[in-house]
């Protein structure tokens, strides 16, 4: 199992658009992927679950990945958050 811990730097947090893109990225992989924020955990492939976390700017996000393609998933999801930019 891989685990990634990141700080959400997008000033608007993980709102609808980036949450949808995050879910689409997670859904490309066979591994089981979870996302946790402030003690709440959700399936990273569920838009309602991810939005329900209410992740705000500055929050620490933990992504857990377990499965046959966990390394590739970890790299892609980490890159997603590094490339996440604020909406204009």
PDB file of N, CA and C in Angstrom:
ATOM      1  N   UNK A   1       0.848  -1.183   0.000  1.00  0.00           N
ATOM      2  CA  UNK A   1       0.000   0.000   0.000  1.00  0.00           C
ATOM      3  C   UNK A   1       0.886   1.235   0.000  1.00  0.00           C
ATOM      4  N   UNK A   2       0.521   2.179  -0.827  1.00  0.00           N
ATOM      5  CA  UNK A   2       1.212   3.466  -0.893  1.00  0.00           C
ATOM      6  C   UNK A   2       0.332   4.513  -0.232  1.00  0.00           C
ATOM      7  N   UNK A   3       0.998   5.495   0.359  1.00  0.00           N
ATOM      8  CA  UNK A   3       0.267   6.603   0.967  1.00  0.00           C
ATOM      9  C   UNK A   3       0.994   7.900   0.622  1.00  0.00           C
ATOM     10  N   UNK A   4       0.224   8.877   0.194  1.00  0.00           N
ATOM     11  CA  UNK A   4       0.764  10.183  -0.171  1.00  0.00           C
ATOM     12  C   UNK A   4       0.104  11.214   0.736  1.00  0.00           C
ATOM     13  N   UNK A   5       0.888  12.124   1.259  1.00  0.00           N
ATOM     14  CA  UNK A   5       0.333  13.214   2.063  1.00  0.00           C
ATOM     15  C   UNK A   5       0.716  14.532   1.400  1.00  0.00           C
ATOM     16  N   UNK A   6      -0.297  15.359   1.137  1.00  0.00           N
ATOM     17  CA  UNK A   6      -0.096  16.623   0.434  1.00  0.00           C
ATOM     18  C   UNK A   6      -0.852  17.747   1.129  1.00  0.00           C
ATOM     19  N   UNK A   7      -0.404  18.961   0.896  1.00  0.00           N
ATOM     20  CA  UNK A   7      -1.130  20.140   1.371  1.00  0.00           C
ATOM     21  C   UNK A   7      -1.883  20.716   0.177  1.00  0.00           C
ATOM     22  N   UNK A   8      -3.172  20.953   0.339  1.00  0.00           N
ATOM     23  CA  UNK A   8      -3.994  21.519  -0.734  1.00  0.00           C
ATOM     24  C   UNK A   8      -3.708  23.010  -0.825  1.00  0.00           C
ATOM     25  N   UNK A   9      -3.106  23.441  -1.918  1.00  0.00           N
ATOM     26  CA  UNK A   9      -2.705  24.839  -2.072  1.00  0.00           C
ATOM     27  C   UNK A   9      -3.653  25.660  -2.938  1.00  0.00           C
ATOM     28  N   UNK A  10      -4.570  24.997  -3.618  1.00  0.00           N
ATOM     29  CA  UNK A  10      -5.553  25.705  -4.446  1.00  0.00           C
ATOM     30  C   UNK A  10      -6.404  26.583  -3.527  1.00  0.00           C
ATOM     31  N   UNK A  11      -6.451  27.891  -3.775  1.00  0.00           N
ATOM     32  CA  UNK A  11      -7.131  28.797  -2.831  1.00  0.00           C
ATOM     33  C   UNK A  11      -8.620  28.525  -2.684  1.00  0.00           C
ATOM     34  N   UNK A  12      -9.226  27.881  -3.664  1.00  0.00           N
ATOM     35  CA  UNK A  12     -10.651  27.566  -3.582  1.00  0.00           C
ATOM     36  C   UNK A  12     -10.917  26.167  -3.028  1.00  0.00           C
ATOM     37  N   UNK A  13      -9.857  25.439  -2.706  1.00  0.00           N
ATOM     38  CA  UNK A  13     -10.017  24.092  -2.175  1.00  0.00           C
ATOM     39  C   UNK A  13     -10.365  23.091  -3.263  1.00  0.00           C
ATOM     40  N   UNK A  14     -10.828  21.943  -2.837  1.00  0.00           N
ATOM     41  CA  UNK A  14     -11.172  20.872  -3.782  1.00  0.00           C
ATOM     42  C   UNK A  14     -12.667  20.978  -4.101  1.00  0.00           C
ATOM     43  N   UNK A  15     -13.018  22.023  -4.843  1.00  0.00           N
ATOM     44  CA  UNK A  15     -14.415  22.254  -5.214  1.00  0.00           C
ATOM     45  C   UNK A  15     -14.768  21.440  -6.455  1.00  0.00           C
ATOM     46  N   UNK A  16     -15.927  21.668  -7.025  1.00  0.00           N
ATOM     47  CA  UNK A  16     -16.489  20.793  -8.059  1.00  0.00           C
ATOM     48  C   UNK A  16     -15.565  20.482  -9.227  1.00  0.00           C
ATOM     49  N   UNK A  17     -15.010  21.479  -9.863  1.00  0.00           N
ATOM     50  CA  UNK A  17     -14.195  21.219 -11.065  1.00  0.00           C
ATOM     51  C   UNK A  17     -12.937  20.403 -10.741  1.00  0.00           C
ATOM     52  N   UNK A  18     -12.103  20.841  -9.795  1.00  0.00           N
ATOM     53  CA  UNK A  18     -10.923  20.012  -9.516  1.00  0.00           C
ATOM     54  C   UNK A  18     -11.270  18.654  -8.908  1.00  0.00           C
ATOM     55  N   UNK A  19     -12.361  18.583  -8.160  1.00  0.00           N
ATOM     56  CA  UNK A  19     -12.774  17.294  -7.596  1.00  0.00           C
ATOM     57  C   UNK A  19     -13.145  16.331  -8.722  1.00  0.00           C
ATOM     58  N   UNK A  20     -13.849  16.820  -9.720  1.00  0.00           N
ATOM     59  CA  UNK A  20     -14.235  15.974 -10.860  1.00  0.00           C
ATOM     60  C   UNK A  20     -12.998  15.499 -11.617  1.00  0.00           C
ATOM     61  N   UNK A  21     -12.037  16.375 -11.815  1.00  0.00           N
ATOM     62  CA  UNK A  21     -10.802  15.995 -12.504  1.00  0.00           C
ATOM     63  C   UNK A  21      -9.988  14.999 -11.678  1.00  0.00           C
ATOM     64  N   UNK A  22      -9.993  15.181 -10.356  1.00  0.00           N
ATOM     65  CA  UNK A  22      -9.303  14.246  -9.473  1.00  0.00           C
ATOM     66  C   UNK A  22      -9.937  12.853  -9.575  1.00  0.00           C
ATOM     67  N   UNK A  23     -11.270  12.795  -9.527  1.00  0.00           N
ATOM     68  CA  UNK A  23     -11.988  11.520  -9.628  1.00  0.00           C
ATOM     69  C   UNK A  23     -11.709  10.857 -10.975  1.00  0.00           C
ATOM     70  N   UNK A  24     -11.703  11.636 -12.050  1.00  0.00           N
ATOM     71  CA  UNK A  24     -11.395  11.086 -13.375  1.00  0.00           C
ATOM     72  C   UNK A  24      -9.987  10.502 -13.413  1.00  0.00           C
ATOM     73  N   UNK A  25      -9.044  11.179 -12.776  1.00  0.00           N
ATOM     74  CA  UNK A  25      -7.667  10.677 -12.729  1.00  0.00           C
ATOM     75  C   UNK A  25      -7.606   9.378 -11.941  1.00  0.00           C
ATOM     76  N   UNK A  26      -8.235   9.343 -10.771  1.00  0.00           N
ATOM     77  CA  UNK A  26      -8.236   8.141  -9.930  1.00  0.00           C
ATOM     78  C   UNK A  26      -8.907   6.966 -10.643  1.00  0.00           C
ATOM     79  N   UNK A  27      -9.962   7.248 -11.395  1.00  0.00           N
ATOM     80  CA  UNK A  27     -10.732   6.194 -12.057  1.00  0.00           C
ATOM     81  C   UNK A  27      -9.950   5.491 -13.174  1.00  0.00           C
ATOM     82  N   UNK A  28      -8.857   6.072 -13.610  1.00  0.00           N
ATOM     83  CA  UNK A  28      -8.046   5.447 -14.670  1.00  0.00           C
ATOM     84  C   UNK A  28      -7.287   4.221 -14.173  1.00  0.00           C
ATOM     85  N   UNK A  29      -7.246   4.035 -12.858  1.00  0.00           N
ATOM     86  CA  UNK A  29      -6.423   2.968 -12.283  1.00  0.00           C
ATOM     87  C   UNK A  29      -7.278   1.876 -11.655  1.00  0.00           C
ATOM     88  N   UNK A  30      -6.737   0.655 -11.646  1.00  0.00           N
ATOM     89  CA  UNK A  30      -7.442  -0.489 -11.073  1.00  0.00           C
ATOM     90  C   UNK A  30      -7.348  -0.513  -9.555  1.00  0.00           C
ATOM     91  N   UNK A  31      -6.317   0.099  -9.002  1.00  0.00           N
ATOM     92  CA  UNK A  31      -6.088   0.085  -7.556  1.00  0.00           C
ATOM     93  C   UNK A  31      -7.248   0.707  -6.794  1.00  0.00           C
ATOM     94  N   UNK A  32      -7.403   0.267  -5.549  1.00  0.00           N
ATOM     95  CA  UNK A  32      -8.361   0.893  -4.633  1.00  0.00           C
ATOM     96  C   UNK A  32      -7.704   2.168  -4.122  1.00  0.00           C
ATOM     97  N   UNK A  33      -8.405   3.299  -4.263  1.00  0.00           N
ATOM     98  CA  UNK A  33      -7.832   4.588  -3.888  1.00  0.00           C
ATOM     99  C   UNK A  33      -8.792   5.309  -2.950  1.00  0.00           C
ATOM    100  N   UNK A  34      -8.262   5.775  -1.828  1.00  0.00           N
ATOM    101  CA  UNK A  34      -9.050   6.558  -0.886  1.00  0.00           C
ATOM    102  C   UNK A  34      -8.400   7.924  -0.702  1.00  0.00           C
ATOM    103  N   UNK A  35      -9.207   8.880  -0.280  1.00  0.00           N
ATOM    104  CA  UNK A  35      -8.713  10.215   0.022  1.00  0.00           C
ATOM    105  C   UNK A  35      -9.257  10.599   1.395  1.00  0.00           C
ATOM    106  N   UNK A  36      -8.382  11.139   2.236  1.00  0.00           N
ATOM    107  CA  UNK A  36      -8.774  11.509   3.598  1.00  0.00           C
ATOM    108  C   UNK A  36      -8.411  12.960   3.878  1.00  0.00           C
ATOM    109  N   UNK A  37      -9.320  13.645   4.560  1.00  0.00           N
ATOM    110  CA  UNK A  37      -9.118  15.033   4.970  1.00  0.00           C
ATOM    111  C   UNK A  37      -9.769  15.203   6.333  1.00  0.00           C
ATOM    112  N   UNK A  38      -9.027  15.739   7.279  1.00  0.00           N
ATOM    113  CA  UNK A  38      -9.563  16.038   8.620  1.00  0.00           C
ATOM    114  C   UNK A  38     -10.316  14.864   9.239  1.00  0.00           C
ATOM    115  N   UNK A  39      -9.768  13.671   9.126  1.00  0.00           N
ATOM    116  CA  UNK A  39     -10.379  12.496   9.747  1.00  0.00           C
ATOM    117  C   UNK A  39     -11.522  11.867   8.978  1.00  0.00           C
ATOM    118  N   UNK A  40     -11.903  12.448   7.840  1.00  0.00           N
ATOM    119  CA  UNK A  40     -12.953  11.869   7.000  1.00  0.00           C
ATOM    120  C   UNK A  40     -12.295  11.210   5.794  1.00  0.00           C
ATOM    121  N   UNK A  41     -12.813  10.047   5.408  1.00  0.00           N
ATOM    122  CA  UNK A  41     -12.245   9.299   4.283  1.00  0.00           C
ATOM    123  C   UNK A  41     -13.331   8.992   3.271  1.00  0.00           C
ATOM    124  N   UNK A  42     -12.947   9.048   1.982  1.00  0.00           N
ATOM    125  CA  UNK A  42     -13.890   8.757   0.903  1.00  0.00           C
ATOM    126  C   UNK A  42     -13.197   7.948  -0.186  1.00  0.00           C
ATOM    127  N   UNK A  43     -14.003   7.266  -0.977  1.00  0.00           N
ATOM    128  CA  UNK A  43     -13.524   6.581  -2.173  1.00  0.00           C
ATOM    129  C   UNK A  43     -13.121   7.665  -3.173  1.00  0.00           C
ATOM    130  N   UNK A  44     -11.883   7.650  -3.625  1.00  0.00           N
ATOM    131  CA  UNK A  44     -11.383   8.680  -4.536  1.00  0.00           C
ATOM    132  C   UNK A  44     -12.000   8.590  -5.929  1.00  0.00           C
ATOM    133  N   UNK A  45     -12.758   7.540  -6.197  1.00  0.00           N
ATOM    134  CA  UNK A  45     -13.404   7.393  -7.494  1.00  0.00           C
ATOM    135  C   UNK A  45     -14.873   7.804  -7.444  1.00  0.00           C
ATOM    136  N   UNK A  46     -15.285   8.403  -6.319  1.00  0.00           N
ATOM    137  CA  UNK A  46     -16.664   8.847  -6.129  1.00  0.00           C
ATOM    138  C   UNK A  46     -16.709  10.365  -6.003  1.00  0.00           C
ATOM    139  N   UNK A  47     -17.326  11.021  -6.957  1.00  0.00           N
ATOM    140  CA  UNK A  47     -17.396  12.493  -6.928  1.00  0.00           C
ATOM    141  C   UNK A  47     -18.137  12.975  -5.685  1.00  0.00           C
ATOM    142  N   UNK A  48     -19.219  12.298  -5.318  1.00  0.00           N
ATOM    143  CA  UNK A  48     -19.959  12.718  -4.127  1.00  0.00           C
ATOM    144  C   UNK A  48     -19.132  12.526  -2.858  1.00  0.00           C
ATOM    145  N   UNK A  49     -18.373  11.445  -2.815  1.00  0.00           N
ATOM    146  CA  UNK A  49     -17.513  11.200  -1.670  1.00  0.00           C
ATOM    147  C   UNK A  49     -16.429  12.252  -1.543  1.00  0.00           C
ATOM    148  N   UNK A  50     -15.788  12.589  -2.651  1.00  0.00           N
ATOM    149  CA  UNK A  50     -14.710  13.578  -2.640  1.00  0.00           C
ATOM    150  C   UNK A  50     -15.251  14.961  -2.282  1.00  0.00           C
ATOM    151  N   UNK A  51     -16.363  15.343  -2.873  1.00  0.00           N
ATOM    152  CA  UNK A  51     -16.961  16.648  -2.551  1.00  0.00           C
ATOM    153  C   UNK A  51     -17.413  16.707  -1.096  1.00  0.00           C
ATOM    154  N   UNK A  52     -17.891  15.580  -0.577  1.00  0.00           N
ATOM    155  CA  UNK A  52     -18.362  15.518   0.804  1.00  0.00           C
ATOM    156  C   UNK A  52     -17.269  15.740   1.837  1.00  0.00           C
ATOM    157  N   UNK A  53     -16.016  15.622   1.428  1.00  0.00           N
ATOM    158  CA  UNK A  53     -14.912  15.859   2.359  1.00  0.00           C
ATOM    159  C   UNK A  53     -14.756  17.342   2.694  1.00  0.00           C
ATOM    160  N   UNK A  54     -15.216  18.199   1.794  1.00  0.00           N
ATOM    161  CA  UNK A  54     -15.122  19.641   2.039  1.00  0.00           C
ATOM    162  C   UNK A  54     -13.693  20.127   2.197  1.00  0.00           C
ATOM    163  N   UNK A  55     -12.775  19.612   1.384  1.00  0.00           N
ATOM    164  CA  UNK A  55     -11.358  19.969   1.493  1.00  0.00           C
ATOM    165  C   UNK A  55     -11.142  21.432   1.109  1.00  0.00           C
ATOM    166  N   UNK A  56     -10.589  22.185   2.044  1.00  0.00           N
ATOM    167  CA  UNK A  56     -10.333  23.613   1.839  1.00  0.00           C
ATOM    168  C   UNK A  56      -8.841  23.861   1.656  1.00  0.00           C
ATOM    169  N   UNK A  57      -8.535  25.017   1.161  1.00  0.00           N
ATOM    170  CA  UNK A  57      -7.143  25.406   0.979  1.00  0.00           C
ATOM    171  C   UNK A  57      -6.388  25.286   2.298  1.00  0.00           C
ATOM    172  N   UNK A  58      -5.199  24.727   2.225  1.00  0.00           N
ATOM    173  CA  UNK A  58      -4.376  24.539   3.408  1.00  0.00           C
ATOM    174  C   UNK A  58      -4.576  23.206   4.103  1.00  0.00           C
ATOM    175  N   UNK A  59      -5.592  22.459   3.702  1.00  0.00           N
ATOM    176  CA  UNK A  59      -5.873  21.156   4.321  1.00  0.00           C
ATOM    177  C   UNK A  59      -4.801  20.144   3.938  1.00  0.00           C
ATOM    178  N   UNK A  60      -4.529  19.244   4.863  1.00  0.00           N
ATOM    179  CA  UNK A  60      -3.637  18.125   4.578  1.00  0.00           C
ATOM    180  C   UNK A  60      -4.478  16.985   4.032  1.00  0.00           C
ATOM    181  N   UNK A  61      -4.108  16.521   2.864  1.00  0.00           N
ATOM    182  CA  UNK A  61      -4.824  15.442   2.179  1.00  0.00           C
ATOM    183  C   UNK A  61      -3.950  14.199   2.196  1.00  0.00           C
ATOM    184  N   UNK A  62      -4.548  13.076   2.559  1.00  0.00           N
ATOM    185  CA  UNK A  62      -3.843  11.799   2.519  1.00  0.00           C
ATOM    186  C   UNK A  62      -4.526  10.910   1.495  1.00  0.00           C
ATOM    187  N   UNK A  63      -3.743  10.404   0.565  1.00  0.00           N
ATOM    188  CA  UNK A  63      -4.263   9.519  -0.471  1.00  0.00           C
ATOM    189  C   UNK A  63      -3.669   8.131  -0.234  1.00  0.00           C
ATOM    190  N   UNK A  64      -4.539   7.144  -0.077  1.00  0.00           N
ATOM    191  CA  UNK A  64      -4.116   5.760   0.095  1.00  0.00           C
ATOM    192  C   UNK A  64      -4.385   4.979  -1.171  1.00  0.00           C
ATOM    193  N   UNK A  65      -3.398   4.209  -1.616  1.00  0.00           N
ATOM    194  CA  UNK A  65      -3.519   3.472  -2.876  1.00  0.00           C
ATOM    195  C   UNK A  65      -3.051   2.044  -2.656  1.00  0.00           C
ATOM    196  N   UNK A  66      -3.906   1.098  -3.045  1.00  0.00           N
ATOM    197  CA  UNK A  66      -3.544  -0.307  -2.894  1.00  0.00           C
ATOM    198  C   UNK A  66      -3.996  -1.085  -4.118  1.00  0.00           C
ATOM    199  N   UNK A  67      -3.049  -1.748  -4.777  1.00  0.00           N
ATOM    200  CA  UNK A  67      -3.401  -2.553  -5.937  1.00  0.00           C
ATOM    201  C   UNK A  67      -2.242  -2.719  -6.892  1.00  0.00           C
ATOM    202  N   UNK A  68      -2.529  -3.346  -8.012  1.00  0.00           N
ATOM    203  CA  UNK A  68      -1.487  -3.722  -8.953  1.00  0.00           C
ATOM    204  C   UNK A  68      -0.811  -2.541  -9.648  1.00  0.00           C
ATOM    205  N   UNK A  69      -1.499  -1.418  -9.779  1.00  0.00           N
ATOM    206  CA  UNK A  69      -0.905  -0.257 -10.451  1.00  0.00           C
ATOM    207  C   UNK A  69      -0.731   0.926  -9.489  1.00  0.00           C
ATOM    208  N   UNK A  70      -0.494   0.616  -8.217  1.00  0.00           N
ATOM    209  CA  UNK A  70      -0.427   1.662  -7.195  1.00  0.00           C
ATOM    210  C   UNK A  70       0.697   2.665  -7.440  1.00  0.00           C
ATOM    211  N   UNK A  71       1.830   2.240  -7.958  1.00  0.00           N
ATOM    212  CA  UNK A  71       2.932   3.179  -8.198  1.00  0.00           C
ATOM    213  C   UNK A  71       2.549   4.209  -9.254  1.00  0.00           C
ATOM    214  N   UNK A  72       1.977   3.738 -10.358  1.00  0.00           N
ATOM    215  CA  UNK A  72       1.561   4.662 -11.421  1.00  0.00           C
ATOM    216  C   UNK A  72       0.446   5.576 -10.936  1.00  0.00           C
ATOM    217  N   UNK A  73      -0.474   5.041 -10.167  1.00  0.00           N
ATOM    218  CA  UNK A  73      -1.565   5.852  -9.627  1.00  0.00           C
ATOM    219  C   UNK A  73      -1.015   6.920  -8.684  1.00  0.00           C
ATOM    220  N   UNK A  74      -0.083   6.536  -7.829  1.00  0.00           N
ATOM    221  CA  UNK A  74       0.515   7.482  -6.883  1.00  0.00           C
ATOM    222  C   UNK A  74       1.194   8.627  -7.625  1.00  0.00           C
ATOM    223  N   UNK A  75       1.932   8.295  -8.649  1.00  0.00           N
ATOM    224  CA  UNK A  75       2.625   9.323  -9.434  1.00  0.00           C
ATOM    225  C   UNK A  75       1.635  10.269 -10.109  1.00  0.00           C
ATOM    226  N   UNK A  76       0.590   9.708 -10.715  1.00  0.00           N
ATOM    227  CA  UNK A  76      -0.399  10.526 -11.427  1.00  0.00           C
ATOM    228  C   UNK A  76      -1.172  11.432 -10.474  1.00  0.00           C
ATOM    229  N   UNK A  77      -1.566  10.910  -9.316  1.00  0.00           N
ATOM    230  CA  UNK A  77      -2.347  11.711  -8.378  1.00  0.00           C
ATOM    231  C   UNK A  77      -1.496  12.785  -7.705  1.00  0.00           C
ATOM    232  N   UNK A  78      -0.252  12.464  -7.423  1.00  0.00           N
ATOM    233  CA  UNK A  78       0.639  13.476  -6.861  1.00  0.00           C
ATOM    234  C   UNK A  78       0.856  14.590  -7.884  1.00  0.00           C
ATOM    235  N   UNK A  79       1.066  14.215  -9.125  1.00  0.00           N
ATOM    236  CA  UNK A  79       1.251  15.207 -10.185  1.00  0.00           C
ATOM    237  C   UNK A  79      -0.014  16.050 -10.364  1.00  0.00           C
ATOM    238  N   UNK A  80      -1.183  15.430 -10.225  1.00  0.00           N
ATOM    239  CA  UNK A  80      -2.439  16.169 -10.322  1.00  0.00           C
ATOM    240  C   UNK A  80      -2.451  17.325  -9.327  1.00  0.00           C
ATOM    241  N   UNK A  81      -2.112  17.036  -8.070  1.00  0.00           N
ATOM    242  CA  UNK A  81      -2.144  18.080  -7.050  1.00  0.00           C
ATOM    243  C   UNK A  81      -1.039  19.108  -7.245  1.00  0.00           C
ATOM    244  N   UNK A  82       0.102  18.697  -7.769  1.00  0.00           N
ATOM    245  CA  UNK A  82       1.172  19.659  -8.028  1.00  0.00           C
ATOM    246  C   UNK A  82       0.783  20.623  -9.146  1.00  0.00           C
ATOM    247  N   UNK A  83      -0.030  20.150 -10.081  1.00  0.00           N
ATOM    248  CA  UNK A  83      -0.447  20.970 -11.222  1.00  0.00           C
ATOM    249  C   UNK A  83      -1.761  21.707 -10.989  1.00  0.00           C
ATOM    250  N   UNK A  84      -2.398  21.463  -9.855  1.00  0.00           N
ATOM    251  CA  UNK A  84      -3.688  22.083  -9.578  1.00  0.00           C
ATOM    252  C   UNK A  84      -3.510  23.593  -9.427  1.00  0.00           C
ATOM    253  N   UNK A  85      -4.187  24.337 -10.261  1.00  0.00           N
ATOM    254  CA  UNK A  85      -4.066  25.802 -10.225  1.00  0.00           C
ATOM    255  C   UNK A  85      -5.407  26.416  -9.874  1.00  0.00           C
ATOM    256  N   UNK A  86      -5.353  27.605  -9.354  1.00  0.00           N
ATOM    257  CA  UNK A  86      -6.566  28.328  -8.977  1.00  0.00           C
ATOM    258  C   UNK A  86      -7.367  28.720 -10.202  1.00  0.00           C
ATOM    259  N   UNK A  87      -8.681  28.707 -10.061  1.00  0.00           N
ATOM    260  CA  UNK A  87      -9.553  29.200 -11.116  1.00  0.00           C
ATOM    261  C   UNK A  87      -9.398  30.704 -11.206  1.00  0.00           C
ATOM    262  N   UNK A  88      -9.547  31.215 -12.386  1.00  0.00           N
ATOM    263  CA  UNK A  88      -9.407  32.673 -12.583  1.00  0.00           C
ATOM    264  C   UNK A  88     -10.733  33.354 -12.331  1.00  0.00           C
TER     265      UNK A  88
END
